[in-house]
Protein backbone atom coordinates (compact mmCIF):
# COMPACT_ATOMS: atom_id res chain seq x y z
CA MET A 1 19.46 -74.03 -32.91
CA ASN A 2 16.57 -72.24 -31.24
CA LYS A 3 15.34 -69.45 -33.58
CA LYS A 4 14.47 -67.16 -30.64
CA PHE A 5 18.04 -67.47 -29.36
CA VAL A 6 19.49 -66.61 -32.78
CA PHE A 7 17.28 -63.52 -32.98
CA PHE A 8 18.38 -62.47 -29.49
CA VAL A 9 22.11 -62.81 -30.37
CA VAL A 10 21.72 -60.88 -33.63
CA SER A 11 19.84 -58.12 -31.80
CA ILE A 12 22.61 -57.80 -29.20
CA LEU A 13 25.30 -57.63 -31.92
CA PHE A 14 23.33 -54.90 -33.69
CA LEU A 15 23.08 -52.84 -30.52
CA ILE A 16 26.82 -53.24 -29.89
CA SER A 17 27.67 -52.22 -33.45
CA CYS A 18 25.82 -48.93 -32.96
CA LYS A 19 28.27 -47.95 -30.22
CA ASN A 20 31.38 -47.76 -32.33
CA ASP A 21 32.86 -44.27 -32.17
CA ASP A 22 35.95 -43.27 -30.24
CA ASN A 23 33.94 -41.59 -27.50
CA GLY A 24 31.69 -44.57 -26.97
CA GLU A 25 28.66 -42.56 -28.11
CA ASN A 26 25.78 -44.14 -29.97
CA ILE A 27 25.90 -43.70 -33.75
CA ASP A 28 22.91 -44.56 -35.91
CA PRO A 29 24.27 -46.70 -38.78
CA ILE A 30 21.51 -45.44 -41.12
CA LYS A 31 21.91 -41.78 -40.17
CA GLU A 32 21.40 -39.73 -43.34
CA ALA A 33 22.66 -36.24 -44.09
CA THR A 34 20.17 -33.39 -44.16
CA GLY A 35 22.66 -30.76 -45.30
CA PHE A 36 26.31 -29.82 -45.70
CA LEU A 37 28.50 -26.93 -44.56
CA TYR A 38 31.98 -25.70 -45.45
CA THR A 39 34.75 -23.47 -44.14
CA SER A 40 38.29 -22.80 -45.39
CA THR A 41 41.56 -23.20 -43.51
CA ASN A 42 43.39 -20.18 -45.01
CA ALA A 43 46.53 -22.25 -44.41
CA ASN A 44 49.86 -20.79 -45.52
CA GLY A 45 51.19 -23.72 -47.55
CA GLU A 46 47.98 -24.69 -49.28
CA ASN A 47 44.50 -23.43 -48.60
CA ALA A 48 41.76 -26.05 -48.27
CA VAL A 49 38.02 -26.31 -47.82
CA LEU A 50 36.73 -28.41 -44.93
CA GLY A 51 33.40 -30.13 -45.53
CA PHE A 52 30.83 -31.44 -43.04
CA LYS A 53 27.56 -33.32 -43.24
CA GLN A 54 24.64 -32.23 -41.09
CA PHE A 55 22.19 -34.71 -39.56
CA ALA A 56 18.53 -34.33 -38.59
CA ASP A 57 19.42 -33.87 -34.90
CA GLY A 58 21.70 -30.92 -35.74
CA THR A 59 24.96 -32.75 -35.13
CA ILE A 60 27.66 -32.72 -37.80
CA GLN A 61 30.52 -34.90 -39.00
CA GLU A 62 33.50 -34.07 -41.19
CA LEU A 63 33.35 -35.62 -44.63
CA GLU A 64 35.63 -38.58 -45.25
CA ASN A 65 37.33 -36.82 -48.19
CA SER A 66 37.80 -33.51 -46.33
CA PRO A 67 39.88 -31.36 -46.62
CA PHE A 68 39.55 -30.41 -50.30
CA ASN A 69 42.69 -28.58 -51.43
CA THR A 70 42.44 -25.43 -53.56
CA GLN A 71 45.99 -25.80 -54.92
CA ASP A 72 46.72 -22.23 -53.91
CA LEU A 73 47.89 -20.29 -50.88
CA GLY A 74 46.16 -19.08 -47.76
CA ALA A 75 47.61 -16.39 -45.52
CA THR A 76 47.42 -17.51 -41.90
CA GLU A 77 50.81 -15.92 -41.25
CA GLN A 78 49.07 -12.55 -41.65
CA GLY A 79 46.77 -13.30 -38.70
CA ASP A 80 43.01 -13.37 -38.29
CA PHE A 81 41.25 -11.46 -41.07
CA ASP A 82 38.25 -9.37 -40.15
CA ALA A 83 36.09 -10.21 -43.14
CA GLN A 84 32.89 -12.02 -44.07
CA PHE A 85 31.51 -14.01 -47.01
CA SER A 86 34.81 -15.70 -47.89
CA ILE A 87 32.82 -18.68 -49.21
CA ARG A 88 29.67 -18.48 -51.31
CA ILE A 89 27.52 -21.22 -52.85
CA ILE A 90 25.28 -20.95 -55.91
CA ASP A 91 23.48 -24.07 -57.12
CA ASP A 92 26.14 -26.81 -57.28
CA LEU A 93 29.14 -24.48 -57.31
CA LEU A 94 31.23 -23.35 -54.32
CA LEU A 95 33.47 -20.29 -54.59
CA VAL A 96 36.25 -19.64 -52.05
CA VAL A 97 39.02 -17.06 -51.69
CA ASN A 98 42.73 -17.87 -51.60
CA ALA A 99 44.09 -14.89 -49.65
CA GLY A 100 47.81 -15.64 -49.96
CA LYS A 101 50.15 -13.82 -52.34
CA ASN A 102 50.95 -15.85 -55.46
CA PRO A 103 53.23 -14.08 -56.18
CA GLU A 104 51.39 -10.87 -55.22
CA ASN A 105 47.67 -11.16 -55.96
CA GLY A 106 45.34 -13.73 -54.45
CA SER A 107 42.95 -15.98 -56.35
CA ILE A 108 39.49 -17.53 -56.39
CA SER A 109 38.81 -21.28 -56.52
CA VAL A 110 35.60 -22.84 -57.80
CA PHE A 111 34.49 -26.33 -56.78
CA LYS A 112 31.76 -28.51 -58.24
CA ILE A 113 29.55 -29.87 -55.44
CA ASP A 114 28.18 -33.38 -55.59
CA LYS A 115 24.97 -32.38 -53.81
CA PRO A 116 23.97 -35.82 -52.41
CA THR A 117 27.39 -36.51 -50.85
CA GLY A 118 28.77 -33.01 -50.29
CA ASN A 119 32.08 -33.92 -51.93
CA LEU A 120 33.92 -31.23 -53.89
CA SER A 121 35.82 -31.34 -57.18
CA LEU A 122 38.12 -28.44 -58.09
CA ILE A 123 37.32 -26.84 -61.46
CA ASP A 124 40.28 -25.69 -63.55
CA GLN A 125 39.79 -21.96 -64.15
CA THR A 126 42.70 -21.69 -66.60
CA PRO A 127 42.57 -24.77 -68.86
CA ASN A 128 45.15 -23.22 -71.21
CA ASP A 129 47.60 -22.42 -68.41
CA ASN A 130 49.37 -25.31 -66.71
CA THR A 131 50.83 -23.12 -63.95
CA THR A 132 47.55 -22.61 -62.03
CA VAL A 133 44.01 -23.92 -61.73
CA ASN A 134 42.56 -20.79 -60.12
CA ILE A 135 41.69 -17.31 -61.37
CA ASP A 136 43.61 -14.19 -60.35
CA SER A 137 41.58 -11.98 -57.99
CA LYS A 138 43.10 -8.85 -59.59
CA GLY A 139 44.05 -7.53 -56.16
CA ILE A 140 45.88 -8.37 -52.95
CA ARG A 141 44.29 -10.53 -50.23
CA PRO A 142 40.82 -11.43 -51.53
CA VAL A 143 38.56 -12.01 -48.53
CA THR A 144 34.93 -11.57 -49.55
CA ILE A 145 32.58 -12.69 -52.34
CA ALA A 146 29.05 -11.72 -53.44
CA ILE A 147 26.95 -13.43 -56.12
CA SER A 148 23.85 -12.29 -58.00
CA GLU A 149 21.99 -14.04 -60.81
CA GLN A 150 20.18 -11.70 -63.19
CA ASN A 151 18.64 -12.48 -66.58
CA GLU A 152 20.41 -15.84 -66.77
CA LYS A 153 23.75 -14.15 -66.07
CA ILE A 154 25.71 -14.75 -62.86
CA TRP A 155 27.70 -11.80 -61.54
CA VAL A 156 30.44 -12.42 -58.98
CA LEU A 157 31.89 -9.57 -56.95
CA VAL A 158 35.23 -10.04 -55.15
CA GLY A 159 36.62 -7.72 -52.51
CA ASN A 160 40.42 -7.55 -52.17
CA GLN A 161 41.23 -6.37 -48.65
CA HIS A 162 44.92 -5.73 -49.37
CA SER A 163 45.84 -5.05 -45.73
CA SER A 164 44.60 -3.67 -42.46
CA PHE A 165 46.20 -1.35 -39.94
CA GLY A 166 45.63 -0.35 -36.34
CA TYR A 167 47.14 0.20 -32.92
CA GLN A 168 47.44 -2.20 -30.00
CA GLY A 169 47.28 -1.51 -26.28
CA GLU A 170 47.86 1.53 -24.11
CA ASN A 171 51.22 2.11 -25.79
CA GLU A 172 49.47 2.32 -29.17
CA ILE A 173 51.85 -0.06 -30.89
CA PRO A 174 51.28 -0.05 -34.67
CA GLU A 175 49.97 -3.34 -36.08
CA GLY A 176 49.56 -4.34 -39.71
CA GLU A 177 50.49 -2.48 -42.87
CA PHE A 178 49.56 1.08 -43.76
CA ILE A 179 49.88 1.07 -47.55
CA ASN A 180 48.10 3.17 -50.15
CA SER A 181 47.25 0.91 -53.07
CA ASP A 182 44.81 0.51 -55.94
CA LYS A 183 44.95 -3.24 -55.34
CA ARG A 184 42.55 -2.61 -52.47
CA ASN A 185 39.59 -2.97 -54.79
CA ILE A 186 36.35 -4.62 -55.83
CA VAL A 187 36.46 -6.75 -58.96
CA LEU A 188 33.65 -8.06 -61.14
CA PHE A 189 33.55 -11.51 -62.75
CA THR A 190 30.90 -13.52 -64.55
CA LEU A 191 30.37 -17.19 -63.80
CA ASP A 192 29.41 -19.80 -66.37
CA LYS A 193 27.00 -22.05 -64.50
CA ASN A 194 27.52 -24.93 -66.92
CA THR A 195 31.32 -25.04 -66.80
CA GLY A 196 31.94 -23.40 -63.43
CA ILE A 197 34.53 -21.09 -65.00
CA LEU A 198 34.89 -17.46 -63.91
CA ASN A 199 35.63 -14.72 -66.44
CA PHE A 200 37.14 -11.39 -65.44
CA GLU A 201 34.98 -8.42 -66.41
CA SER A 202 36.33 -5.26 -64.76
CA ILE A 203 37.71 -3.56 -61.68
CA LEU A 204 34.64 -1.66 -60.49
CA ASP A 205 36.35 0.53 -57.91
CA ALA A 206 39.60 0.93 -55.98
CA TYR A 207 40.19 2.31 -52.48
CA TYR A 208 43.67 3.74 -52.67
CA ASP A 209 43.73 5.58 -49.32
CA ALA A 210 44.87 3.29 -46.50
CA ASN A 211 43.03 5.46 -43.96
CA ILE A 212 39.72 3.85 -44.87
CA GLY A 213 41.08 0.42 -43.97
CA GLY A 214 40.90 -2.87 -45.79
CA ILE A 215 37.74 -4.14 -47.49
CA SER A 216 35.84 -6.51 -45.20
CA SER A 217 32.62 -7.45 -47.02
CA VAL A 218 30.67 -7.18 -50.25
CA ASP A 219 26.97 -8.00 -50.50
CA PHE A 220 24.37 -7.74 -53.27
CA HIS A 221 20.90 -6.30 -52.67
CA PRO A 222 18.20 -9.04 -52.83
CA ASN A 223 17.13 -7.66 -56.23
CA GLY A 224 20.71 -7.54 -57.51
CA ASN A 225 20.41 -3.90 -58.58
CA ARG A 226 22.56 -2.56 -55.74
CA PHE A 227 25.46 -3.74 -53.64
CA SER A 228 27.36 -2.63 -50.55
CA VAL A 229 31.05 -2.63 -49.58
CA THR A 230 32.45 -2.23 -46.06
CA THR A 231 35.90 -1.20 -44.88
CA LEU A 232 37.61 -1.61 -41.50
CA GLY A 233 38.94 1.88 -40.88
CA ILE A 234 41.94 2.18 -38.54
CA TYR A 235 41.34 0.49 -35.22
CA HIS A 236 42.77 0.54 -31.69
CA PHE A 237 42.31 -2.64 -29.64
CA ASP A 238 43.36 -4.27 -26.35
CA VAL A 239 42.24 -1.16 -24.47
CA PRO A 240 39.00 -0.36 -22.60
CA PHE A 241 38.12 2.18 -25.29
CA PRO A 242 40.01 3.19 -28.44
CA ASN A 243 41.76 6.53 -28.57
CA PRO A 244 39.50 8.75 -30.73
CA ASN A 245 42.52 10.73 -31.88
CA ILE A 246 44.17 7.82 -33.68
CA ILE A 247 41.34 5.68 -35.03
CA LYS A 248 39.65 6.25 -38.39
CA PRO A 249 36.03 5.34 -39.10
CA SER A 250 34.82 2.42 -41.15
CA TYR A 251 32.83 3.06 -44.31
CA VAL A 252 29.76 1.43 -45.82
CA TYR A 253 29.67 2.21 -49.54
CA PHE A 254 26.51 1.81 -51.62
CA TYR A 255 26.42 1.29 -55.37
CA ASP A 256 23.77 1.01 -58.04
CA PHE A 257 24.44 -1.96 -60.32
CA ASN A 258 23.17 -2.44 -63.87
CA ASN A 259 24.40 -5.09 -66.29
CA GLY A 260 28.00 -4.94 -65.14
CA THR A 261 28.19 -1.20 -64.48
CA ALA A 262 28.43 0.19 -60.95
CA THR A 263 27.82 3.75 -59.75
CA GLN A 264 28.57 4.77 -56.18
CA THR A 265 25.53 6.47 -54.67
CA PHE A 266 26.55 7.03 -51.05
CA SER A 267 29.31 6.41 -48.53
CA PHE A 268 28.28 6.19 -44.90
CA SER A 269 30.59 6.64 -41.92
CA LYS A 270 30.27 7.81 -38.35
CA ILE A 271 33.31 9.12 -36.51
CA GLY A 272 34.03 6.81 -33.61
CA ILE A 273 32.72 3.61 -35.27
CA GLY A 274 35.50 1.43 -36.68
CA GLY A 275 36.19 -2.22 -37.30
CA THR A 276 33.11 -2.84 -39.43
CA THR A 277 33.36 -6.47 -40.51
CA ALA A 278 30.15 -6.77 -42.49
CA ALA A 279 27.00 -5.08 -43.72
CA ILE A 280 24.15 -7.37 -44.74
CA TRP A 281 21.11 -6.32 -46.76
CA SER A 282 17.82 -6.80 -44.95
CA PRO A 283 15.26 -9.26 -46.40
CA ASN A 284 13.35 -6.51 -48.24
CA GLY A 285 16.45 -4.49 -49.05
CA THR A 286 15.34 -1.39 -47.12
CA ARG A 287 18.03 -1.65 -44.44
CA SER A 288 21.64 -2.66 -44.07
CA TYR A 289 22.53 -4.46 -40.84
CA VAL A 290 26.05 -3.51 -39.74
CA ALA A 291 28.36 -5.10 -37.14
CA SER A 292 31.50 -3.33 -35.84
CA PHE A 293 34.07 -4.18 -33.19
CA ASN A 294 35.93 -0.92 -32.45
CA LEU A 295 33.94 1.97 -30.99
CA VAL A 296 34.73 5.00 -28.83
CA GLU A 297 33.12 5.17 -25.38
CA GLU A 298 30.32 7.52 -26.42
CA LEU A 299 29.16 5.08 -29.14
CA ILE A 300 29.50 1.83 -27.22
CA ASP A 301 25.88 0.95 -28.05
CA TYR A 302 26.43 1.10 -31.81
CA ASP A 303 28.33 -2.15 -32.39
CA VAL A 304 25.18 -3.38 -34.15
CA TYR A 305 23.11 -0.87 -36.08
CA SER A 306 20.49 -0.84 -38.81
CA LEU A 307 20.99 1.70 -41.59
CA ASN A 308 18.06 2.96 -43.65
CA THR A 309 19.24 2.53 -47.25
CA SER A 310 17.03 5.32 -48.59
CA THR A 311 17.85 8.10 -46.13
CA TYR A 312 21.23 6.63 -45.04
CA GLU A 313 20.40 7.34 -41.43
CA ILE A 314 20.81 4.93 -38.52
CA ALA A 315 17.37 3.57 -37.68
CA GLU A 316 18.21 1.32 -34.69
CA HIS A 317 21.37 0.65 -32.75
CA PHE A 318 22.39 -1.77 -30.00
CA LYS A 319 25.15 -2.82 -27.67
CA ALA A 320 25.66 -6.49 -28.45
CA GLY A 321 28.79 -6.85 -26.34
CA THR A 322 28.56 -6.67 -22.55
CA GLY A 323 32.17 -5.64 -21.90
CA PHE A 324 34.09 -2.46 -22.68
CA GLU A 325 35.39 -3.54 -26.08
CA PRO A 326 32.33 -4.75 -28.02
CA GLY A 327 34.13 -7.19 -30.34
CA THR A 328 31.01 -7.74 -32.48
CA CYS A 329 32.22 -8.81 -35.89
CA TRP A 330 30.35 -11.48 -37.84
CA SER A 331 26.66 -11.72 -38.61
CA ASN A 332 24.00 -13.40 -40.72
CA ILE A 333 20.26 -13.76 -41.28
CA SER A 334 18.17 -16.87 -40.66
CA LEU A 335 16.78 -18.80 -43.62
CA ASP A 336 13.23 -17.72 -42.80
CA LYS A 337 14.38 -14.07 -42.78
CA LYS A 338 12.96 -13.51 -39.29
CA THR A 339 16.16 -13.34 -37.21
CA PHE A 340 19.41 -11.41 -37.50
CA PHE A 341 22.42 -12.91 -35.71
CA ALA A 342 25.48 -11.00 -34.49
CA VAL A 343 28.60 -12.80 -33.24
CA ASN A 344 30.71 -11.28 -30.49
CA LEU A 345 34.28 -12.56 -30.81
CA GLY A 346 35.52 -11.27 -27.45
CA GLU A 347 32.77 -12.98 -25.48
CA ASN A 348 32.14 -16.02 -27.73
CA ALA A 349 28.50 -14.98 -27.82
CA ILE A 350 25.69 -14.93 -30.36
CA ILE A 351 22.99 -12.28 -30.07
CA SER A 352 19.67 -12.71 -31.87
CA TYR A 353 17.49 -9.85 -33.10
CA ASN A 354 13.96 -10.01 -34.41
CA ILE A 355 13.44 -8.73 -37.96
CA GLY A 356 10.10 -6.92 -38.34
CA GLU A 357 7.95 -6.64 -41.44
CA ASN A 358 9.50 -3.26 -42.23
CA ASP A 359 13.04 -4.74 -41.78
CA ALA A 360 13.48 -2.97 -38.42
CA ILE A 361 15.41 -5.08 -35.90
CA SER A 362 14.72 -5.37 -32.19
CA GLU A 363 16.23 -7.25 -29.27
CA ILE A 364 14.84 -10.68 -28.41
CA GLU A 365 14.21 -11.66 -24.81
CA ASN A 366 16.82 -14.27 -23.81
CA GLY A 367 18.35 -13.71 -27.23
CA ARG A 368 21.95 -13.86 -26.07
CA VAL A 369 23.87 -17.13 -25.67
CA GLU A 370 27.54 -17.73 -24.90
CA ALA A 371 29.12 -20.78 -26.49
CA LYS A 372 30.57 -23.32 -24.07
CA ASN A 373 33.96 -25.04 -23.89
CA LEU A 374 35.91 -22.61 -26.06
CA GLY A 375 39.06 -20.58 -25.58
CA THR A 376 38.95 -16.79 -25.57
CA ASP A 377 38.28 -14.81 -28.76
CA GLU A 378 37.23 -17.75 -30.95
CA LEU A 379 33.76 -17.38 -32.51
CA LYS A 380 33.55 -16.06 -36.07
CA ASP A 381 31.34 -16.91 -39.06
CA ILE A 382 27.76 -18.10 -38.53
CA ILE A 383 25.09 -19.80 -40.70
CA ASN A 384 21.62 -21.26 -40.30
CA LEU A 385 20.75 -24.66 -41.82
CA GLY A 386 17.26 -25.99 -41.14
CA ASN A 387 16.44 -25.71 -37.44
CA TYR A 388 20.06 -25.28 -36.43
CA VAL A 389 22.73 -22.59 -36.31
CA TYR A 390 26.47 -23.21 -36.62
CA VAL A 391 29.36 -20.95 -35.61
CA ILE A 392 33.06 -21.67 -36.18
CA SER A 393 35.69 -21.23 -33.48
CA ALA A 394 38.28 -20.38 -36.02
CA ILE A 395 41.55 -19.38 -34.45
CA ASP A 396 43.06 -21.95 -32.07
CA ASP A 397 40.21 -24.24 -31.02
CA HIS A 398 39.10 -25.33 -34.52
CA LYS A 399 35.63 -26.40 -33.48
CA ILE A 400 32.06 -25.78 -34.61
CA SER A 401 29.45 -24.78 -32.04
CA MET A 402 25.96 -26.12 -32.73
CA PHE A 403 22.65 -24.56 -31.64
CA TYR A 404 18.96 -25.30 -31.97
CA LEU A 405 17.02 -22.33 -33.34
CA SER A 406 13.56 -21.88 -31.83
CA SER A 407 10.71 -20.18 -33.65
CA ASN A 408 11.21 -16.98 -31.62
CA GLY A 409 14.91 -16.70 -32.54
CA VAL A 410 16.34 -17.98 -29.25
CA LEU A 411 19.36 -20.30 -29.55
CA THR A 412 20.01 -23.35 -27.36
CA GLU A 413 23.39 -25.05 -27.58
CA LEU A 414 23.29 -28.78 -28.29
CA SER A 415 24.62 -31.21 -25.69
CA LYS A 416 27.24 -32.51 -28.14
CA SER A 417 28.50 -29.01 -28.97
CA PRO A 418 31.15 -27.98 -29.83
CA TYR A 419 32.27 -30.40 -32.52
CA GLN A 420 36.03 -30.89 -32.64
CA ILE A 421 37.14 -30.96 -36.28
CA PRO A 422 39.22 -34.13 -36.78
CA SER A 423 41.47 -32.92 -39.60
CA SER A 424 42.50 -29.85 -37.54
CA ILE A 425 43.35 -31.60 -34.28
CA GLY A 426 46.78 -30.53 -33.07
CA LYS A 427 46.86 -27.44 -35.30
CA THR A 428 47.07 -23.89 -33.96
CA SER A 429 46.59 -20.38 -35.31
CA SER A 430 50.05 -20.68 -36.83
CA ASP A 431 48.69 -23.42 -39.08
CA GLU A 432 45.05 -22.53 -39.75
CA ILE A 433 42.65 -19.67 -39.05
CA TYR A 434 39.31 -20.48 -40.61
CA LEU A 435 37.82 -18.10 -43.13
CA GLY A 436 34.19 -18.15 -44.22
CA LEU A 437 31.22 -20.47 -43.64
CA ALA A 438 28.55 -21.57 -46.12
CA GLY A 439 26.22 -24.51 -46.58
CA TYR A 440 23.07 -25.94 -48.13
CA GLU A 441 20.16 -28.18 -47.21
CA ILE A 442 19.22 -31.36 -49.02
CA ASN A 443 15.71 -30.92 -50.38
């Protein structure tokens, strides 16, 4: 047989084999992962972590072994939780909340990450107890985690939201649970990096009064010597502007932290600002960047603000949302510490802000992008991996929107975005409402 003909046939077969996915799109058979990212389903029956590999072109693909079950309960039946940092990663360990009641408190799961493949293995937190493999969160509805490593000791802070309460529509219909409880709290654990086992240390503080709202985020200062806690307040939604006579403000609490001991140093609130989902420490720790979704008309341009953490005064403030109800909830900082991202749920938009040398934030020209091909009120958690940014549409769509991040902080959505998550196809908000987003790059 003619050798040139054989080479031609083999070449054609190779080209055909590259076009083997269901959509008829080209797939590189030697495509290697450049990173991995994870979210959780918060499913009622059994919570699970969904894992994805990232490729050099920014596209992603669900891992073959995903989902990874936590063997504990989520709480989708309680609706969409306004909270951030529900998943955290440190080295080769992934921590995730189980927000469901089992029988009352929630729990925390820890997975060992196989860094080259992204696969997860659940670590038994209670080797002497056959009834569970996870550790009790010491409160109701854990939703947020912070981690700090200091002097070869890993501190893990868990925020138990307990519940949230507000009013809906012009008729001001009550929604949620208004319950005073000391199980609305922040709890300290230590983490053994070698075994992956959490050990309960203490309940650092409790927020008994339901008027302050459920806990929505915890975050350690970059130096680990301080941390912040945010609460939701009492909100009023599905109206042009909330009724100032029925809402209660959100709080941002600040604590000094020293070797397992916490002392509250300040609590910040501003009447008319509610629905604070997260406060994130600035790169140098001199500011706290705060995103809130429920504001009275006079404060409509405060859904994103920067709080000076020495004077506790608002340094900059912005209107991230373009409509009446801002709906700005989730946020994050780029890996290079130059851009702050705010996610507007109501408009499925991401707004980028420049971070200056003094941690001040400012608007970026063309820094707003609306994600395409999504239902209403979908976008939630956001992360940056390499040159790309990922945002989950968490409620009914179950997709991940993918963006290229330019050097000036402007986002451009990829042509193959959003990515439809295979294991969630056919599922609705009754089945899964994603909670948290974290990831890592392969060095």
